[in-house]
Amino acid sequence: MNHQKKLEQTAPPNKHMYTGNLGQQQVYGTSYKGKRYSSYESFSNHQNLLYNRAVFGLAMYQPEEVKAMHFKKRKQIIAKHKKAQIAINILKQQVINRLSNDLLLSLFPNSPITKKLLELDFTDVRYINKMPFKTLRITKRQIIDKLVAENILPANFYNLKTTV
């Protein structure tokens, strides 16, 4: 018992308290070469709703909300979600093709095989790419641009501010 009291007396106060500045960096961000790297693009609630509905489908809703939803609306959301997943999968394949073409071109610039492979622009709708966006360095803006180009999101998506 006496030994435990000595340990408590010798331990500094707030021994396990964090004293660094990571909390400030998370809240206010930091800059690298004059550019903030923890800033996020802000979209309106309506833009986020349209984006999430296309990308996540019915999974963005609570089960009670899905049950209360009209069957035509559910069907429409499912169809748009399937189209969005195909478009995103093709986007991922295009990014991988571009990266592999750059690699082949840097390693074998004068090879005839490389030139033939560079001419191919092949994407397979049946192949499901499971690589995360972060690994492929795909941003939310790139996904939105692809979904707008495929008419999954409205053409004026970036101008939408409130619900229609």
C-alpha atoms as a PDB file:
ATOM      1  CA  MET A   1       0.000   0.000   0.000  1.00  0.00           C
ATOM      2  CA  ASN A   2       2.809   2.377   0.856  1.00  0.00           C
ATOM      3  CA  HIS A   3       4.523   1.610  -2.463  1.00  0.00           C
ATOM      4  CA  GLN A   4       1.392   2.621  -4.435  1.00  0.00           C
ATOM      5  CA  LYS A   5       1.227   6.003  -2.666  1.00  0.00           C
ATOM      6  CA  LYS A   6       4.827   6.690  -3.625  1.00  0.00           C
ATOM      7  CA  LEU A   7       4.044   5.958  -7.291  1.00  0.00           C
ATOM      8  CA  GLU A   8       1.051   8.296  -7.253  1.00  0.00           C
ATOM      9  CA  GLN A   9       3.113  11.068  -5.690  1.00  0.00           C
ATOM     10  CA  THR A  10       5.975  10.757  -8.193  1.00  0.00           C
ATOM     11  CA  ALA A  11       3.742  10.630 -11.315  1.00  0.00           C
ATOM     12  CA  PRO A  12       3.444  14.040 -12.974  1.00  0.00           C
ATOM     13  CA  PRO A  13      -0.042  15.536 -13.053  1.00  0.00           C
ATOM     14  CA  ASN A  14      -1.953  14.996 -16.311  1.00  0.00           C
ATOM     15  CA  LYS A  15       0.542  12.346 -17.326  1.00  0.00           C
ATOM     16  CA  HIS A  16      -1.727  10.977 -20.037  1.00  0.00           C
ATOM     17  CA  MET A  17      -3.018  14.311 -21.258  1.00  0.00           C
ATOM     18  CA  TYR A  18      -2.186  15.187 -24.873  1.00  0.00           C
ATOM     19  CA  THR A  19      -0.316  18.483 -25.095  1.00  0.00           C
ATOM     20  CA  GLY A  20       0.435  18.663 -28.823  1.00  0.00           C
ATOM     21  CA  ASN A  21      -1.197  20.802 -31.483  1.00  0.00           C
ATOM     22  CA  LEU A  22      -2.824  18.099 -33.620  1.00  0.00           C
ATOM     23  CA  GLY A  23      -6.259  19.216 -32.431  1.00  0.00           C
ATOM     24  CA  GLN A  24      -5.631  22.690 -33.820  1.00  0.00           C
ATOM     25  CA  GLN A  25      -4.476  21.258 -37.166  1.00  0.00           C
ATOM     26  CA  GLN A  26      -7.620  19.145 -37.446  1.00  0.00           C
ATOM     27  CA  VAL A  27      -9.881  22.108 -36.750  1.00  0.00           C
ATOM     28  CA  TYR A  28      -8.081  24.894 -38.608  1.00  0.00           C
ATOM     29  CA  GLY A  29      -5.995  22.947 -41.119  1.00  0.00           C
ATOM     30  CA  THR A  30      -2.430  23.650 -42.036  1.00  0.00           C
ATOM     31  CA  SER A  31      -0.804  25.015 -45.096  1.00  0.00           C
ATOM     32  CA  TYR A  32       1.922  23.580 -47.246  1.00  0.00           C
ATOM     33  CA  LYS A  33       3.558  26.014 -49.643  1.00  0.00           C
ATOM     34  CA  GLY A  34       0.713  28.428 -49.086  1.00  0.00           C
ATOM     35  CA  LYS A  35      -2.067  25.931 -49.909  1.00  0.00           C
ATOM     36  CA  ARG A  36      -4.462  24.512 -47.339  1.00  0.00           C
ATOM     37  CA  TYR A  37      -4.605  20.766 -47.580  1.00  0.00           C
ATOM     38  CA  SER A  38      -7.380  20.000 -45.132  1.00  0.00           C
ATOM     39  CA  SER A  39     -10.040  22.063 -46.830  1.00  0.00           C
ATOM     40  CA  TYR A  40     -13.042  20.315 -48.280  1.00  0.00           C
ATOM     41  CA  GLU A  41     -15.356  21.192 -51.117  1.00  0.00           C
ATOM     42  CA  SER A  42     -18.665  22.221 -49.761  1.00  0.00           C
ATOM     43  CA  PHE A  43     -21.812  21.259 -51.587  1.00  0.00           C
ATOM     44  CA  SER A  44     -25.368  22.207 -50.707  1.00  0.00           C
ATOM     45  CA  ASN A  45     -27.654  19.716 -49.007  1.00  0.00           C
ATOM     46  CA  HIS A  46     -29.510  19.158 -52.277  1.00  0.00           C
ATOM     47  CA  GLN A  47     -26.274  18.495 -54.189  1.00  0.00           C
ATOM     48  CA  ASN A  48     -25.159  16.024 -51.509  1.00  0.00           C
ATOM     49  CA  LEU A  49     -28.568  14.323 -51.623  1.00  0.00           C
ATOM     50  CA  LEU A  50     -28.385  13.854 -55.403  1.00  0.00           C
ATOM     51  CA  TYR A  51     -24.773  12.657 -55.246  1.00  0.00           C
ATOM     52  CA  ASN A  52     -25.355  10.237 -52.362  1.00  0.00           C
ATOM     53  CA  ARG A  53     -28.547   8.897 -53.933  1.00  0.00           C
ATOM     54  CA  ALA A  54     -26.667   8.139 -57.158  1.00  0.00           C
ATOM     55  CA  VAL A  55     -23.540   6.705 -55.536  1.00  0.00           C
ATOM     56  CA  PHE A  56     -25.017   4.856 -52.539  1.00  0.00           C
ATOM     57  CA  GLY A  57     -28.563   4.156 -53.740  1.00  0.00           C
ATOM     58  CA  LEU A  58     -31.086   3.021 -51.147  1.00  0.00           C
ATOM     59  CA  ALA A  59     -28.269   2.366 -48.655  1.00  0.00           C
ATOM     60  CA  MET A  60     -28.259   6.067 -47.784  1.00  0.00           C
ATOM     61  CA  TYR A  61     -31.757   5.776 -46.326  1.00  0.00           C
ATOM     62  CA  GLN A  62     -32.927   4.194 -43.081  1.00  0.00           C
ATOM     63  CA  PRO A  63     -34.908   0.945 -43.535  1.00  0.00           C
ATOM     64  CA  GLU A  64     -38.059   2.681 -42.300  1.00  0.00           C
ATOM     65  CA  GLU A  65     -37.637   5.395 -44.937  1.00  0.00           C
ATOM     66  CA  VAL A  66     -37.216   2.786 -47.678  1.00  0.00           C
ATOM     67  CA  LYS A  67     -40.388   0.998 -46.580  1.00  0.00           C
ATOM     68  CA  ALA A  68     -42.340   4.267 -46.551  1.00  0.00           C
ATOM     69  CA  MET A  69     -41.017   5.268 -49.983  1.00  0.00           C
ATOM     70  CA  HIS A  70     -43.220   4.826 -53.072  1.00  0.00           C
ATOM     71  CA  PHE A  71     -42.194   1.810 -55.129  1.00  0.00           C
ATOM     72  CA  LYS A  72     -41.638   3.932 -58.270  1.00  0.00           C
ATOM     73  CA  LYS A  73     -39.230   6.179 -56.398  1.00  0.00           C
ATOM     74  CA  ARG A  74     -37.355   3.126 -55.065  1.00  0.00           C
ATOM     75  CA  LYS A  75     -37.188   1.711 -58.580  1.00  0.00           C
ATOM     76  CA  GLN A  76     -35.892   5.033 -59.951  1.00  0.00           C
ATOM     77  CA  ILE A  77     -33.199   5.286 -57.240  1.00  0.00           C
ATOM     78  CA  ILE A  78     -32.084   1.689 -57.855  1.00  0.00           C
ATOM     79  CA  ALA A  79     -31.837   2.259 -61.622  1.00  0.00           C
ATOM     80  CA  LYS A  80     -29.849   5.490 -61.184  1.00  0.00           C
ATOM     81  CA  HIS A  81     -27.574   3.777 -58.637  1.00  0.00           C
ATOM     82  CA  LYS A  82     -26.829   0.916 -61.041  1.00  0.00           C
ATOM     83  CA  LYS A  83     -25.976   3.361 -63.828  1.00  0.00           C
ATOM     84  CA  ALA A  84     -23.763   5.337 -61.459  1.00  0.00           C
ATOM     85  CA  GLN A  85     -21.894   2.234 -60.328  1.00  0.00           C
ATOM     86  CA  ILE A  86     -21.213   1.254 -63.941  1.00  0.00           C
ATOM     87  CA  ALA A  87     -19.985   4.782 -64.733  1.00  0.00           C
ATOM     88  CA  ILE A  88     -17.755   4.865 -61.634  1.00  0.00           C
ATOM     89  CA  ASN A  89     -16.366   1.433 -62.483  1.00  0.00           C
ATOM     90  CA  ILE A  90     -15.519   2.615 -65.996  1.00  0.00           C
ATOM     91  CA  LEU A  91     -13.902   5.750 -64.541  1.00  0.00           C
ATOM     92  CA  LYS A  92     -11.714   3.574 -62.308  1.00  0.00           C
ATOM     93  CA  GLN A  93     -10.710   1.413 -65.255  1.00  0.00           C
ATOM     94  CA  GLN A  94      -9.863   4.483 -67.325  1.00  0.00           C
ATOM     95  CA  VAL A  95      -7.657   5.827 -64.520  1.00  0.00           C
ATOM     96  CA  ILE A  96      -5.874   2.478 -64.198  1.00  0.00           C
ATOM     97  CA  ASN A  97      -5.426   2.278 -67.979  1.00  0.00           C
ATOM     98  CA  ARG A  98      -3.928   5.773 -68.028  1.00  0.00           C
ATOM     99  CA  LEU A  99      -1.559   4.948 -65.151  1.00  0.00           C
ATOM    100  CA  SER A 100      -0.443   1.665 -66.709  1.00  0.00           C
ATOM    101  CA  ASN A 101       0.048   3.351 -70.099  1.00  0.00           C
ATOM    102  CA  ASP A 102       2.227   6.003 -68.473  1.00  0.00           C
ATOM    103  CA  LEU A 103       4.248   3.288 -66.737  1.00  0.00           C
ATOM    104  CA  LEU A 104       4.715   1.273 -69.914  1.00  0.00           C
ATOM    105  CA  LEU A 105       5.670   4.369 -71.859  1.00  0.00           C
ATOM    106  CA  SER A 106       8.267   5.364 -69.278  1.00  0.00           C
ATOM    107  CA  LEU A 107       9.780   1.869 -69.064  1.00  0.00           C
ATOM    108  CA  PHE A 108       9.592   0.853 -72.738  1.00  0.00           C
ATOM    109  CA  PRO A 109       9.260   4.023 -74.836  1.00  0.00           C
ATOM    110  CA  ASN A 110      10.396   2.538 -78.160  1.00  0.00           C
ATOM    111  CA  SER A 111       8.825  -0.906 -77.939  1.00  0.00           C
ATOM    112  CA  PRO A 112       6.309  -1.838 -80.664  1.00  0.00           C
ATOM    113  CA  ILE A 113       4.298  -3.814 -78.099  1.00  0.00           C
ATOM    114  CA  THR A 114       3.983  -0.699 -75.958  1.00  0.00           C
ATOM    115  CA  LYS A 115       2.741   1.289 -78.937  1.00  0.00           C
ATOM    116  CA  LYS A 116       0.105  -1.370 -79.692  1.00  0.00           C
ATOM    117  CA  LEU A 117      -1.006  -1.432 -76.050  1.00  0.00           C
ATOM    118  CA  LEU A 118      -1.255   2.348 -75.964  1.00  0.00           C
ATOM    119  CA  GLU A 119      -3.621   2.247 -78.939  1.00  0.00           C
ATOM    120  CA  LEU A 120      -6.046   0.047 -76.995  1.00  0.00           C
ATOM    121  CA  ASP A 121      -8.626   1.821 -74.888  1.00  0.00           C
ATOM    122  CA  PHE A 122     -10.387  -1.130 -73.330  1.00  0.00           C
ATOM    123  CA  THR A 123     -12.868  -1.078 -70.459  1.00  0.00           C
ATOM    124  CA  ASP A 124     -15.021  -4.025 -69.477  1.00  0.00           C
ATOM    125  CA  VAL A 125     -18.404  -3.325 -67.921  1.00  0.00           C
ATOM    126  CA  ARG A 126     -18.511  -6.840 -66.462  1.00  0.00           C
ATOM    127  CA  TYR A 127     -15.248  -6.366 -64.533  1.00  0.00           C
ATOM    128  CA  ILE A 128     -15.871  -4.791 -61.135  1.00  0.00           C
ATOM    129  CA  ASN A 129     -12.953  -2.701 -59.935  1.00  0.00           C
ATOM    130  CA  LYS A 130     -12.723  -2.766 -56.142  1.00  0.00           C
ATOM    131  CA  MET A 131      -9.791  -0.414 -55.724  1.00  0.00           C
ATOM    132  CA  PRO A 132     -10.621   2.524 -53.453  1.00  0.00           C
ATOM    133  CA  PHE A 133     -10.822   6.064 -54.798  1.00  0.00           C
ATOM    134  CA  LYS A 134      -8.008   7.156 -52.507  1.00  0.00           C
ATOM    135  CA  THR A 135      -5.588   4.633 -54.013  1.00  0.00           C
ATOM    136  CA  LEU A 136      -6.463   5.771 -57.524  1.00  0.00           C
ATOM    137  CA  ARG A 137      -6.450   9.437 -56.446  1.00  0.00           C
ATOM    138  CA  ILE A 138      -9.967   9.964 -57.761  1.00  0.00           C
ATOM    139  CA  THR A 139     -11.634  13.020 -56.263  1.00  0.00           C
ATOM    140  CA  LYS A 140     -15.297  13.658 -55.599  1.00  0.00           C
ATOM    141  CA  ARG A 141     -15.244  16.316 -58.310  1.00  0.00           C
ATOM    142  CA  GLN A 142     -13.992  13.768 -60.880  1.00  0.00           C
ATOM    143  CA  ILE A 143     -16.789  11.385 -59.903  1.00  0.00           C
ATOM    144  CA  ILE A 144     -19.366  14.177 -60.189  1.00  0.00           C
ATOM    145  CA  ASP A 145     -17.998  15.199 -63.597  1.00  0.00           C
ATOM    146  CA  LYS A 146     -18.293  11.606 -64.818  1.00  0.00           C
ATOM    147  CA  LEU A 147     -21.854  11.282 -63.478  1.00  0.00           C
ATOM    148  CA  VAL A 148     -22.831  14.583 -65.115  1.00  0.00           C
ATOM    149  CA  ALA A 149     -21.278  13.460 -68.414  1.00  0.00           C
ATOM    150  CA  GLU A 150     -23.304  10.217 -68.240  1.00  0.00           C
ATOM    151  CA  ASN A 151     -26.528  12.203 -67.477  1.00  0.00           C
ATOM    152  CA  ILE A 152     -26.866  10.523 -64.090  1.00  0.00           C
ATOM    153  CA  LEU A 153     -26.593  13.859 -62.316  1.00  0.00           C
ATOM    154  CA  PRO A 154     -28.149  17.003 -63.835  1.00  0.00           C
ATOM    155  CA  ALA A 155     -26.034  19.136 -66.156  1.00  0.00           C
ATOM    156  CA  ASN A 156     -26.420  22.135 -63.827  1.00  0.00           C
ATOM    157  CA  PHE A 157     -25.295  20.147 -60.766  1.00  0.00           C
ATOM    158  CA  TYR A 158     -22.690  22.690 -59.684  1.00  0.00           C
ATOM    159  CA  ASN A 159     -25.242  25.518 -59.861  1.00  0.00           C
ATOM    160  CA  LEU A 160     -27.839  23.800 -57.670  1.00  0.00           C
ATOM    161  CA  LYS A 161     -28.075  25.431 -54.267  1.00  0.00           C
ATOM    162  CA  THR A 162     -31.506  24.579 -52.862  1.00  0.00           C
ATOM    163  CA  THR A 163     -34.088  21.913 -53.401  1.00  0.00           C
ATOM    164  CA  VAL A 164     -36.243  22.300 -56.469  1.00  0.00           C
END
